Each structure stands twice: as structure tokens, then as C-alpha cells.
N, C-alpha and C. Protein backbone atom coordinates (compact mmCIF):
# COMPACT_ATOMS: atom_id res chain seq x y z
N MET A 1 7.53 -7.65 13.88
CA MET A 1 6.79 -8.34 12.84
C MET A 1 5.34 -7.85 12.87
N LEU A 2 4.82 -7.51 11.70
CA LEU A 2 3.48 -6.98 11.58
C LEU A 2 2.50 -8.07 11.15
N ASN A 3 1.29 -8.04 11.70
CA ASN A 3 0.28 -8.98 11.22
C ASN A 3 -0.34 -8.43 9.93
N ARG A 4 -1.22 -9.19 9.32
CA ARG A 4 -1.79 -8.80 8.03
C ARG A 4 -2.50 -7.45 8.09
N GLU A 5 -3.34 -7.25 9.09
CA GLU A 5 -4.08 -5.98 9.18
C GLU A 5 -3.15 -4.80 9.40
N ALA A 6 -2.12 -4.97 10.21
CA ALA A 6 -1.16 -3.89 10.44
C ALA A 6 -0.39 -3.58 9.15
N CYS A 7 -0.04 -4.62 8.39
CA CYS A 7 0.63 -4.42 7.10
C CYS A 7 -0.28 -3.67 6.14
N GLU A 8 -1.53 -4.08 6.08
CA GLU A 8 -2.48 -3.42 5.19
C GLU A 8 -2.64 -1.94 5.56
N ARG A 9 -2.75 -1.66 6.85
CA ARG A 9 -2.89 -0.28 7.31
C ARG A 9 -1.65 0.55 6.95
N ARG A 10 -0.48 -0.01 7.20
CA ARG A 10 0.78 0.70 6.91
C ARG A 10 0.90 0.99 5.42
N VAL A 11 0.64 -0.02 4.59
CA VAL A 11 0.73 0.15 3.14
C VAL A 11 -0.32 1.16 2.67
N TYR A 12 -1.54 1.05 3.18
CA TYR A 12 -2.61 1.95 2.74
C TYR A 12 -2.28 3.40 3.06
N ARG A 13 -1.84 3.66 4.28
CA ARG A 13 -1.53 5.03 4.68
C ARG A 13 -0.41 5.63 3.84
N LEU A 14 0.66 4.86 3.62
CA LEU A 14 1.77 5.36 2.81
C LEU A 14 1.34 5.54 1.36
N ALA A 15 0.62 4.57 0.82
CA ALA A 15 0.16 4.66 -0.58
C ALA A 15 -0.81 5.82 -0.76
N LEU A 16 -1.63 6.09 0.23
CA LEU A 16 -2.55 7.23 0.15
C LEU A 16 -1.78 8.54 0.12
N LEU A 17 -0.75 8.64 0.93
CA LEU A 17 0.09 9.84 0.89
C LEU A 17 0.81 9.98 -0.45
N LEU A 18 1.24 8.86 -1.00
CA LEU A 18 2.01 8.90 -2.25
C LEU A 18 1.14 9.11 -3.48
N THR A 19 -0.08 8.58 -3.47
CA THR A 19 -0.93 8.67 -4.67
C THR A 19 -2.07 9.67 -4.52
N GLY A 20 -2.55 9.85 -3.30
CA GLY A 20 -3.67 10.75 -3.07
C GLY A 20 -5.03 10.12 -3.31
N ARG A 21 -5.08 8.92 -3.83
CA ARG A 21 -6.36 8.29 -4.18
C ARG A 21 -6.61 7.04 -3.33
N ARG A 22 -7.81 6.95 -2.78
CA ARG A 22 -8.18 5.79 -1.96
C ARG A 22 -8.14 4.51 -2.79
N GLU A 23 -8.66 4.59 -4.01
CA GLU A 23 -8.73 3.41 -4.87
C GLU A 23 -7.32 2.93 -5.23
N SER A 24 -6.44 3.88 -5.54
CA SER A 24 -5.06 3.52 -5.87
C SER A 24 -4.36 2.91 -4.66
N ALA A 25 -4.58 3.50 -3.50
CA ALA A 25 -3.96 2.98 -2.29
C ALA A 25 -4.47 1.57 -1.98
N ALA A 26 -5.75 1.32 -2.21
CA ALA A 26 -6.30 -0.02 -1.99
C ALA A 26 -5.70 -1.01 -2.99
N ALA A 27 -5.50 -0.57 -4.22
CA ALA A 27 -4.86 -1.44 -5.22
C ALA A 27 -3.43 -1.78 -4.82
N VAL A 28 -2.75 -0.81 -4.24
CA VAL A 28 -1.37 -1.04 -3.78
C VAL A 28 -1.35 -2.07 -2.65
N ILE A 29 -2.34 -2.04 -1.76
CA ILE A 29 -2.42 -3.06 -0.70
C ILE A 29 -2.46 -4.44 -1.33
N GLU A 30 -3.33 -4.60 -2.30
CA GLU A 30 -3.48 -5.90 -2.94
C GLU A 30 -2.19 -6.34 -3.62
N GLN A 31 -1.51 -5.40 -4.27
CA GLN A 31 -0.27 -5.72 -4.97
C GLN A 31 0.87 -6.03 -4.02
N VAL A 32 0.89 -5.38 -2.86
CA VAL A 32 1.99 -5.56 -1.92
C VAL A 32 1.68 -6.67 -0.92
N VAL A 33 0.63 -6.50 -0.15
CA VAL A 33 0.31 -7.46 0.91
C VAL A 33 -0.31 -8.73 0.33
N GLY A 34 -1.22 -8.55 -0.62
CA GLY A 34 -1.89 -9.71 -1.20
C GLY A 34 -0.97 -10.64 -1.97
N ALA A 35 0.14 -10.11 -2.46
CA ALA A 35 1.07 -10.91 -3.25
C ALA A 35 2.10 -11.65 -2.39
N GLN A 36 2.09 -11.41 -1.09
CA GLN A 36 3.08 -12.04 -0.20
C GLN A 36 2.57 -13.38 0.31
N PRO A 37 3.26 -14.46 -0.01
CA PRO A 37 2.80 -15.76 0.48
C PRO A 37 2.96 -15.89 2.00
N GLU A 38 3.99 -15.21 2.55
CA GLU A 38 4.23 -15.30 3.98
C GLU A 38 4.63 -13.93 4.51
N LEU A 39 3.71 -13.28 5.17
CA LEU A 39 3.96 -11.92 5.67
C LEU A 39 5.02 -11.87 6.76
N SER A 40 5.25 -12.98 7.44
CA SER A 40 6.23 -12.98 8.53
C SER A 40 7.64 -12.72 8.02
N ARG A 41 7.88 -12.95 6.74
CA ARG A 41 9.22 -12.72 6.16
C ARG A 41 9.40 -11.29 5.68
N LEU A 42 8.37 -10.50 5.77
CA LEU A 42 8.40 -9.14 5.24
C LEU A 42 8.67 -8.15 6.37
N ASP A 43 9.81 -7.45 6.30
CA ASP A 43 10.10 -6.43 7.31
C ASP A 43 9.57 -5.08 6.83
N SER A 44 9.56 -4.09 7.72
CA SER A 44 8.96 -2.80 7.39
C SER A 44 9.71 -2.08 6.25
N ALA A 45 11.03 -2.23 6.17
CA ALA A 45 11.79 -1.58 5.10
C ALA A 45 11.39 -2.15 3.74
N HIS A 46 11.26 -3.47 3.67
CA HIS A 46 10.85 -4.13 2.42
C HIS A 46 9.41 -3.75 2.07
N LEU A 47 8.56 -3.69 3.07
CA LEU A 47 7.16 -3.29 2.87
C LEU A 47 7.09 -1.88 2.31
N ASP A 48 7.87 -0.96 2.87
CA ASP A 48 7.91 0.42 2.36
C ASP A 48 8.42 0.46 0.93
N ARG A 49 9.46 -0.31 0.64
CA ARG A 49 10.03 -0.33 -0.72
C ARG A 49 9.00 -0.81 -1.73
N LEU A 50 8.31 -1.89 -1.42
CA LEU A 50 7.29 -2.42 -2.32
C LEU A 50 6.14 -1.42 -2.49
N THR A 51 5.78 -0.75 -1.42
CA THR A 51 4.71 0.25 -1.48
C THR A 51 5.10 1.41 -2.38
N VAL A 52 6.34 1.87 -2.26
CA VAL A 52 6.84 2.95 -3.11
C VAL A 52 6.80 2.52 -4.58
N LEU A 53 7.30 1.33 -4.85
CA LEU A 53 7.32 0.85 -6.25
C LEU A 53 5.92 0.77 -6.85
N ARG A 54 4.99 0.19 -6.11
CA ARG A 54 3.63 0.03 -6.64
C ARG A 54 2.90 1.37 -6.70
N SER A 55 3.20 2.28 -5.79
CA SER A 55 2.55 3.60 -5.80
C SER A 55 3.00 4.42 -6.99
N ARG A 56 4.23 4.22 -7.43
CA ARG A 56 4.74 4.96 -8.59
C ARG A 56 3.98 4.59 -9.86
N GLU A 57 3.34 3.44 -9.87
CA GLU A 57 2.58 2.99 -11.04
C GLU A 57 1.17 3.59 -11.08
N GLN A 58 0.77 4.25 -10.00
CA GLN A 58 -0.59 4.79 -9.89
C GLN A 58 -0.62 6.27 -10.26
N PRO A 59 -1.78 6.76 -10.73
CA PRO A 59 -1.92 8.21 -10.99
C PRO A 59 -1.89 8.99 -9.67
N ILE A 60 -1.43 10.22 -9.73
CA ILE A 60 -1.31 11.07 -8.55
C ILE A 60 -2.41 12.12 -8.56
N GLU A 61 -3.05 12.32 -7.43
CA GLU A 61 -4.07 13.36 -7.26
C GLU A 61 -3.90 13.97 -5.88
N PRO A 62 -4.37 15.20 -5.70
CA PRO A 62 -4.38 15.75 -4.34
C PRO A 62 -5.30 14.89 -3.47
N MET A 63 -4.82 14.51 -2.30
CA MET A 63 -5.60 13.59 -1.48
C MET A 63 -6.71 14.31 -0.73
N GLN A 64 -7.74 13.56 -0.45
CA GLN A 64 -8.88 14.09 0.28
C GLN A 64 -9.05 13.26 1.54
N VAL A 65 -8.36 13.68 2.58
CA VAL A 65 -8.42 12.99 3.86
C VAL A 65 -8.97 13.97 4.88
N PRO A 66 -10.00 13.57 5.64
CA PRO A 66 -10.53 14.47 6.67
C PRO A 66 -9.42 14.91 7.62
N GLY A 67 -9.36 16.20 7.87
CA GLY A 67 -8.34 16.73 8.76
C GLY A 67 -7.13 17.29 8.05
N LEU A 68 -7.02 17.03 6.74
CA LEU A 68 -5.90 17.57 5.97
C LEU A 68 -6.36 18.77 5.17
N LYS A 69 -5.56 19.80 5.18
CA LYS A 69 -5.90 21.00 4.42
C LYS A 69 -5.72 20.73 2.93
N PRO A 70 -6.68 21.13 2.12
CA PRO A 70 -6.56 20.94 0.66
C PRO A 70 -5.30 21.59 0.09
N LYS A 71 -4.89 22.69 0.69
CA LYS A 71 -3.67 23.38 0.23
C LYS A 71 -2.45 22.47 0.38
N PHE A 72 -2.38 21.72 1.50
CA PHE A 72 -1.28 20.79 1.71
C PHE A 72 -1.35 19.66 0.69
N ALA A 73 -2.53 19.10 0.48
CA ALA A 73 -2.69 17.99 -0.46
C ALA A 73 -2.27 18.42 -1.87
N ALA A 74 -2.64 19.62 -2.27
CA ALA A 74 -2.26 20.12 -3.59
C ALA A 74 -0.75 20.32 -3.69
N ALA A 75 -0.14 20.85 -2.63
CA ALA A 75 1.30 21.07 -2.63
C ALA A 75 2.05 19.74 -2.70
N LEU A 76 1.58 18.74 -1.99
CA LEU A 76 2.21 17.42 -2.00
C LEU A 76 2.09 16.78 -3.38
N ALA A 77 0.93 16.94 -4.02
CA ALA A 77 0.71 16.35 -5.34
C ALA A 77 1.59 17.02 -6.41
N GLU A 78 2.02 18.24 -6.15
CA GLU A 78 2.87 18.96 -7.11
C GLU A 78 4.32 18.48 -7.10
N LEU A 79 4.74 17.81 -6.04
CA LEU A 79 6.12 17.33 -5.96
C LEU A 79 6.33 16.17 -6.94
N SER A 80 7.57 16.00 -7.39
CA SER A 80 7.89 14.83 -8.21
C SER A 80 7.77 13.60 -7.31
N ALA A 81 7.71 12.42 -7.90
CA ALA A 81 7.54 11.19 -7.12
C ALA A 81 8.65 11.05 -6.07
N GLN A 82 9.90 11.26 -6.47
CA GLN A 82 11.01 11.09 -5.53
C GLN A 82 11.00 12.17 -4.45
N GLN A 83 10.66 13.40 -4.81
CA GLN A 83 10.58 14.47 -3.81
C GLN A 83 9.48 14.16 -2.80
N ARG A 84 8.34 13.69 -3.31
CA ARG A 84 7.21 13.37 -2.43
C ARG A 84 7.59 12.23 -1.48
N GLU A 85 8.22 11.18 -2.03
CA GLU A 85 8.62 10.04 -1.20
C GLU A 85 9.60 10.48 -0.12
N ALA A 86 10.65 11.21 -0.52
CA ALA A 86 11.66 11.65 0.45
C ALA A 86 11.04 12.56 1.51
N TRP A 87 10.18 13.47 1.08
CA TRP A 87 9.55 14.39 2.02
C TRP A 87 8.66 13.64 3.01
N ILE A 88 7.90 12.68 2.52
CA ILE A 88 7.02 11.91 3.39
C ILE A 88 7.84 11.09 4.39
N PHE A 89 8.85 10.37 3.90
CA PHE A 89 9.63 9.53 4.80
C PHE A 89 10.40 10.35 5.85
N ILE A 90 11.01 11.44 5.43
CA ILE A 90 11.84 12.22 6.35
C ILE A 90 11.01 13.19 7.19
N SER A 91 10.15 13.97 6.56
CA SER A 91 9.42 15.00 7.30
C SER A 91 8.22 14.46 8.07
N LEU A 92 7.53 13.48 7.50
CA LEU A 92 6.34 12.94 8.18
C LEU A 92 6.67 11.72 9.03
N TYR A 93 7.36 10.74 8.42
CA TYR A 93 7.66 9.50 9.14
C TYR A 93 8.90 9.63 10.00
N GLN A 94 9.63 10.72 9.86
CA GLN A 94 10.84 11.00 10.62
C GLN A 94 11.88 9.88 10.53
N MET A 95 12.02 9.34 9.32
CA MET A 95 13.02 8.31 9.07
C MET A 95 14.35 8.98 8.75
N ASP A 96 15.45 8.28 9.02
CA ASP A 96 16.75 8.85 8.68
C ASP A 96 17.02 8.65 7.18
N ASP A 97 18.07 9.31 6.69
CA ASP A 97 18.38 9.28 5.26
C ASP A 97 18.68 7.87 4.75
N ARG A 98 19.40 7.09 5.53
CA ARG A 98 19.79 5.74 5.07
C ARG A 98 18.58 4.82 4.97
N THR A 99 17.69 4.88 5.94
CA THR A 99 16.47 4.06 5.90
C THR A 99 15.59 4.49 4.74
N THR A 100 15.50 5.79 4.55
CA THR A 100 14.73 6.33 3.42
C THR A 100 15.34 5.89 2.10
N ALA A 101 16.67 5.90 2.03
CA ALA A 101 17.36 5.46 0.81
C ALA A 101 17.03 4.01 0.48
N LYS A 102 16.92 3.16 1.50
CA LYS A 102 16.53 1.76 1.26
C LYS A 102 15.11 1.67 0.70
N ALA A 103 14.22 2.46 1.29
CA ALA A 103 12.82 2.43 0.84
C ALA A 103 12.68 2.96 -0.59
N MET A 104 13.52 3.95 -0.93
CA MET A 104 13.44 4.57 -2.26
C MET A 104 14.40 3.92 -3.26
N ASP A 105 15.28 3.06 -2.79
CA ASP A 105 16.28 2.39 -3.61
C ASP A 105 17.16 3.40 -4.36
N CYS A 106 17.75 4.30 -3.58
CA CYS A 106 18.70 5.26 -4.14
C CYS A 106 19.73 5.60 -3.07
N SER A 107 20.71 6.40 -3.40
CA SER A 107 21.74 6.75 -2.43
C SER A 107 21.18 7.72 -1.39
N TYR A 108 21.82 7.75 -0.24
CA TYR A 108 21.34 8.67 0.79
C TYR A 108 21.57 10.12 0.38
N ARG A 109 22.57 10.37 -0.48
CA ARG A 109 22.78 11.73 -0.99
C ARG A 109 21.63 12.13 -1.91
N ALA A 110 21.18 11.19 -2.73
CA ALA A 110 20.03 11.48 -3.60
C ALA A 110 18.79 11.74 -2.76
N VAL A 111 18.62 10.97 -1.69
CA VAL A 111 17.49 11.18 -0.79
C VAL A 111 17.53 12.60 -0.23
N ARG A 112 18.70 13.02 0.25
CA ARG A 112 18.84 14.35 0.82
C ARG A 112 18.50 15.41 -0.21
N GLN A 113 18.98 15.21 -1.46
CA GLN A 113 18.71 16.18 -2.53
C GLN A 113 17.21 16.24 -2.84
N HIS A 114 16.57 15.07 -2.97
CA HIS A 114 15.13 15.03 -3.24
C HIS A 114 14.35 15.69 -2.10
N HIS A 115 14.74 15.39 -0.87
CA HIS A 115 14.04 15.97 0.28
C HIS A 115 14.21 17.49 0.30
N ASP A 116 15.42 17.95 0.11
CA ASP A 116 15.67 19.40 0.15
C ASP A 116 14.88 20.13 -0.94
N GLN A 117 14.84 19.55 -2.13
CA GLN A 117 14.07 20.17 -3.22
C GLN A 117 12.57 20.15 -2.90
N GLY A 118 12.10 19.02 -2.37
CA GLY A 118 10.69 18.92 -1.98
C GLY A 118 10.36 19.89 -0.86
N GLU A 119 11.25 20.02 0.10
CA GLU A 119 11.05 20.94 1.21
C GLU A 119 10.95 22.38 0.70
N MET A 120 11.84 22.75 -0.23
CA MET A 120 11.79 24.11 -0.79
C MET A 120 10.47 24.36 -1.51
N GLN A 121 10.03 23.38 -2.29
CA GLN A 121 8.78 23.53 -3.02
C GLN A 121 7.58 23.58 -2.07
N MET A 122 7.59 22.75 -1.05
CA MET A 122 6.50 22.76 -0.07
C MET A 122 6.49 24.10 0.67
N ARG A 123 7.67 24.60 1.02
CA ARG A 123 7.76 25.88 1.73
C ARG A 123 7.26 27.03 0.86
N SER A 124 7.56 26.96 -0.45
CA SER A 124 7.07 28.03 -1.33
C SER A 124 5.56 27.96 -1.51
N SER A 125 5.01 26.75 -1.44
CA SER A 125 3.55 26.59 -1.58
C SER A 125 2.81 26.91 -0.29
N LEU A 126 3.38 26.51 0.85
CA LEU A 126 2.66 26.63 2.12
C LEU A 126 3.18 27.73 3.03
N GLY A 127 4.38 28.22 2.78
CA GLY A 127 4.95 29.27 3.62
C GLY A 127 5.16 28.80 5.05
N MET A 128 4.79 29.62 5.99
CA MET A 128 5.01 29.34 7.41
C MET A 128 4.11 28.20 7.91
N GLU A 129 3.06 27.90 7.17
CA GLU A 129 2.17 26.81 7.58
C GLU A 129 2.88 25.46 7.57
N LEU A 130 3.97 25.36 6.82
CA LEU A 130 4.69 24.09 6.68
C LEU A 130 5.15 23.56 8.03
N GLU A 131 5.50 24.44 8.96
CA GLU A 131 5.99 24.01 10.28
C GLU A 131 4.94 23.20 11.03
N GLN A 132 3.66 23.52 10.83
CA GLN A 132 2.60 22.82 11.54
C GLN A 132 2.05 21.64 10.74
N VAL A 133 2.42 21.54 9.47
CA VAL A 133 1.85 20.51 8.60
C VAL A 133 2.18 19.10 9.07
N ALA A 134 3.45 18.81 9.33
CA ALA A 134 3.85 17.44 9.66
C ALA A 134 3.08 16.87 10.85
N PRO A 135 3.00 17.57 11.98
CA PRO A 135 2.23 17.01 13.10
C PRO A 135 0.74 16.82 12.76
N ASP A 136 0.18 17.78 12.02
CA ASP A 136 -1.23 17.67 11.63
C ASP A 136 -1.46 16.46 10.72
N VAL A 137 -0.56 16.27 9.77
CA VAL A 137 -0.69 15.15 8.83
C VAL A 137 -0.51 13.83 9.57
N ARG A 138 0.50 13.74 10.43
CA ARG A 138 0.71 12.50 11.20
C ARG A 138 -0.55 12.17 12.01
N GLU A 139 -1.12 13.16 12.65
CA GLU A 139 -2.33 12.94 13.45
C GLU A 139 -3.50 12.51 12.57
N ALA A 140 -3.68 13.17 11.44
CA ALA A 140 -4.78 12.82 10.52
C ALA A 140 -4.60 11.41 9.95
N MET A 141 -3.36 11.05 9.62
CA MET A 141 -3.12 9.74 9.01
C MET A 141 -3.29 8.60 10.01
N LEU A 142 -3.10 8.87 11.28
CA LEU A 142 -3.33 7.84 12.30
C LEU A 142 -4.80 7.45 12.38
N ARG A 143 -5.66 8.37 11.98
CA ARG A 143 -7.10 8.10 12.00
C ARG A 143 -7.57 7.39 10.72
N VAL A 144 -6.70 7.33 9.72
CA VAL A 144 -7.06 6.71 8.44
C VAL A 144 -6.91 5.20 8.55
N ASP A 145 -7.94 4.50 8.13
CA ASP A 145 -7.88 3.04 8.12
C ASP A 145 -8.22 2.54 6.73
N VAL A 146 -7.93 1.30 6.50
CA VAL A 146 -8.23 0.67 5.22
C VAL A 146 -9.72 0.81 4.94
N PRO A 147 -10.10 1.25 3.75
CA PRO A 147 -11.52 1.51 3.48
C PRO A 147 -12.36 0.24 3.43
N GLU A 148 -13.62 0.41 3.72
CA GLU A 148 -14.55 -0.72 3.75
C GLU A 148 -14.68 -1.40 2.39
N PHE A 149 -14.60 -0.62 1.29
CA PHE A 149 -14.72 -1.26 -0.02
C PHE A 149 -13.59 -2.26 -0.26
N TYR A 150 -12.42 -2.03 0.31
CA TYR A 150 -11.32 -2.99 0.20
C TYR A 150 -11.64 -4.24 1.02
N ARG A 151 -12.13 -4.04 2.23
CA ARG A 151 -12.47 -5.18 3.09
C ARG A 151 -13.57 -6.04 2.45
N GLN A 152 -14.58 -5.38 1.84
CA GLN A 152 -15.65 -6.13 1.18
C GLN A 152 -15.11 -6.94 0.01
N ALA A 153 -14.25 -6.33 -0.80
CA ALA A 153 -13.66 -7.04 -1.93
C ALA A 153 -12.81 -8.21 -1.45
N GLN A 154 -12.11 -8.01 -0.33
CA GLN A 154 -11.29 -9.06 0.25
C GLN A 154 -12.16 -10.23 0.69
N ARG A 155 -13.31 -9.93 1.33
CA ARG A 155 -14.23 -10.98 1.75
C ARG A 155 -14.80 -11.73 0.54
N ARG A 156 -15.14 -10.98 -0.54
CA ARG A 156 -15.64 -11.64 -1.75
C ARG A 156 -14.60 -12.57 -2.36
N ARG A 157 -13.34 -12.12 -2.39
CA ARG A 157 -12.27 -12.95 -2.94
C ARG A 157 -12.07 -14.21 -2.10
N LYS A 158 -12.16 -14.06 -0.78
CA LYS A 158 -12.00 -15.21 0.11
C LYS A 158 -13.13 -16.22 -0.11
N LYS A 159 -14.35 -15.69 -0.24
CA LYS A 159 -15.50 -16.56 -0.49
C LYS A 159 -15.36 -17.26 -1.84
N MET A 160 -14.87 -16.54 -2.84
CA MET A 160 -14.68 -17.11 -4.17
C MET A 160 -13.62 -18.22 -4.12
N ARG A 161 -12.52 -17.99 -3.40
CA ARG A 161 -11.47 -19.02 -3.28
C ARG A 161 -12.03 -20.28 -2.63
N ARG A 162 -12.85 -20.09 -1.57
CA ARG A 162 -13.46 -21.25 -0.91
C ARG A 162 -14.39 -21.99 -1.86
N SER A 163 -15.16 -21.26 -2.65
CA SER A 163 -16.07 -21.89 -3.62
C SER A 163 -15.30 -22.67 -4.67
N ILE A 164 -14.20 -22.11 -5.13
CA ILE A 164 -13.38 -22.79 -6.13
C ILE A 164 -12.77 -24.06 -5.55
N LYS A 165 -12.29 -23.99 -4.30
CA LYS A 165 -11.73 -25.18 -3.66
C LYS A 165 -12.79 -26.26 -3.51
N LEU A 166 -13.99 -25.85 -3.07
CA LEU A 166 -15.08 -26.80 -2.91
C LEU A 166 -15.46 -27.43 -4.25
N ALA A 167 -15.54 -26.61 -5.29
CA ALA A 167 -15.86 -27.13 -6.62
C ALA A 167 -14.81 -28.11 -7.11
N SER A 168 -13.54 -27.82 -6.83
CA SER A 168 -12.49 -28.74 -7.29
C SER A 168 -12.54 -30.05 -6.51
N VAL A 169 -12.88 -29.99 -5.22
CA VAL A 169 -13.01 -31.22 -4.43
C VAL A 169 -14.19 -32.05 -4.95
N VAL A 170 -15.31 -31.38 -5.23
CA VAL A 170 -16.49 -32.09 -5.76
C VAL A 170 -16.16 -32.70 -7.12
N ALA A 171 -15.49 -31.94 -7.99
CA ALA A 171 -15.13 -32.46 -9.32
C ALA A 171 -14.20 -33.66 -9.19
N THR A 172 -13.26 -33.60 -8.27
CA THR A 172 -12.34 -34.72 -8.05
C THR A 172 -13.10 -35.95 -7.56
N LEU A 173 -14.01 -35.74 -6.62
CA LEU A 173 -14.82 -36.86 -6.11
C LEU A 173 -15.69 -37.47 -7.21
N LEU A 174 -16.30 -36.62 -8.03
CA LEU A 174 -17.13 -37.14 -9.13
C LEU A 174 -16.28 -37.92 -10.13
N ALA A 175 -15.10 -37.42 -10.43
CA ALA A 175 -14.20 -38.14 -11.35
C ALA A 175 -13.78 -39.47 -10.74
N LEU A 176 -13.52 -39.48 -9.45
CA LEU A 176 -13.16 -40.71 -8.77
C LEU A 176 -14.31 -41.70 -8.77
N LEU A 177 -15.52 -41.22 -8.52
CA LEU A 177 -16.70 -42.09 -8.56
C LEU A 177 -16.92 -42.65 -9.97
N ALA A 178 -16.73 -41.79 -10.98
CA ALA A 178 -16.89 -42.25 -12.36
C ALA A 178 -15.84 -43.31 -12.68
N ALA A 179 -14.62 -43.14 -12.22
CA ALA A 179 -13.56 -44.12 -12.47
C ALA A 179 -13.87 -45.43 -11.77
N ILE A 180 -14.36 -45.36 -10.54
CA ILE A 180 -14.72 -46.57 -9.79
C ILE A 180 -15.87 -47.29 -10.49
N SER A 181 -16.86 -46.51 -10.92
CA SER A 181 -17.99 -47.10 -11.63
C SER A 181 -17.54 -47.78 -12.91
N TRP A 182 -16.65 -47.12 -13.66
CA TRP A 182 -16.14 -47.68 -14.91
C TRP A 182 -15.35 -48.96 -14.64
N LEU A 183 -14.53 -48.94 -13.58
CA LEU A 183 -13.75 -50.15 -13.24
C LEU A 183 -14.68 -51.27 -12.79
N ALA A 184 -15.73 -50.93 -12.05
CA ALA A 184 -16.67 -51.96 -11.59
C ALA A 184 -17.36 -52.61 -12.77
N GLN A 185 -17.74 -51.81 -13.80
CA GLN A 185 -18.38 -52.36 -14.99
C GLN A 185 -17.39 -53.20 -15.79
N LEU A 186 -16.15 -52.75 -15.83
CA LEU A 186 -15.11 -53.45 -16.58
C LEU A 186 -14.84 -54.83 -16.02
N TYR A 187 -14.83 -54.96 -14.70
CA TYR A 187 -14.51 -56.22 -14.06
C TYR A 187 -15.72 -57.04 -13.67
N SER A 188 -16.92 -56.62 -14.05
CA SER A 188 -18.08 -57.42 -13.69
C SER A 188 -18.58 -58.25 -14.83
């Protein structure tokens, strides 16, 4: 079971790989993690599936992550959504075909086909460098954390929710006082 910060980190890293954009990946965190009333009910397979779905709605760009070669980012951005997803899950995350199929919501044969096509395209773009890409990307992505602009927005939203709750309590108390005052005048 993952806590909120671990879920946010997992979603952000996967969404960043899938979309290439920090802003898009942060939006995916909000759509996936922020929309869950109870994170304890969310397992990693479901989290990955939701991340894939929400990432597909975002524009794709070559990612700019320190430690990643621009050539790799461009090659990854050239893959179709399904090829990119299959390649990331199998080649980077080292997931098996069935687990990847659950995350992508397709058959394991389709996963294998998407991965093989993505692998061929990546190999044609990167050549022999492809063998070293996966370990380099895994290492670079471990250093990636949820950006500060997301944390700041999260703090602002939390503060806003508290202000709204406080305002509703004050409004309720004022209405109650007005009702008591009205009843006191009525019966006096």
C-alpha cells in the first residue's frame, strides 16, 4: 500500500515518461491521486491504469529530464501512445506482459505487439545506444520528484478548502444566531 506522496511520485514519474511535460504530469497527479477519496483502496495496477488513461489525454512532447539524452526523449515521443506505454512498462519498469496488459487494458498479445513495434522503432532511432538506455532512464527517473509548483498549488488548494469550511461554519453560526434572535423577538 502506497501513501499519498509515494502515489504522487509514482504517477508523476510514469506520466512524465508518457507525456514528456512536467505540467501535464502534474495535471495527471491531480486527476489520478487527487480524485481518489481513499488511497488505501488503490493498488499499483489500478494506479498505473488510471495514469495511462489520463496521460493519453495530454499532449506529447520530448521530455526534458536532467540525465536523459535528448535523442532518447525524441525517440520516445515518436512512438504511438500504446507503443510508448508498452515499451515503458516492459523495457523500463520490467513488468511482465500480463501486468502491462492490465495497465494498458488490452490483451497480452497486443502488449507484445506494441512493445515489439516500439522496440524496433527505438532501435532504429537509437541504434546500439538502446542497450544502455533503460538503466540510464531508470536511474534518472529515480531522481525525479514531484515539482515544487505542484506542491505549492496543493498547499493553496488545502488553504482554500480550510477557508471555505471556516466560512461555512461562520455562515451557519450567523444564521443560527439570526434565527435565535428572530425567535426571541417573536416570543417576547
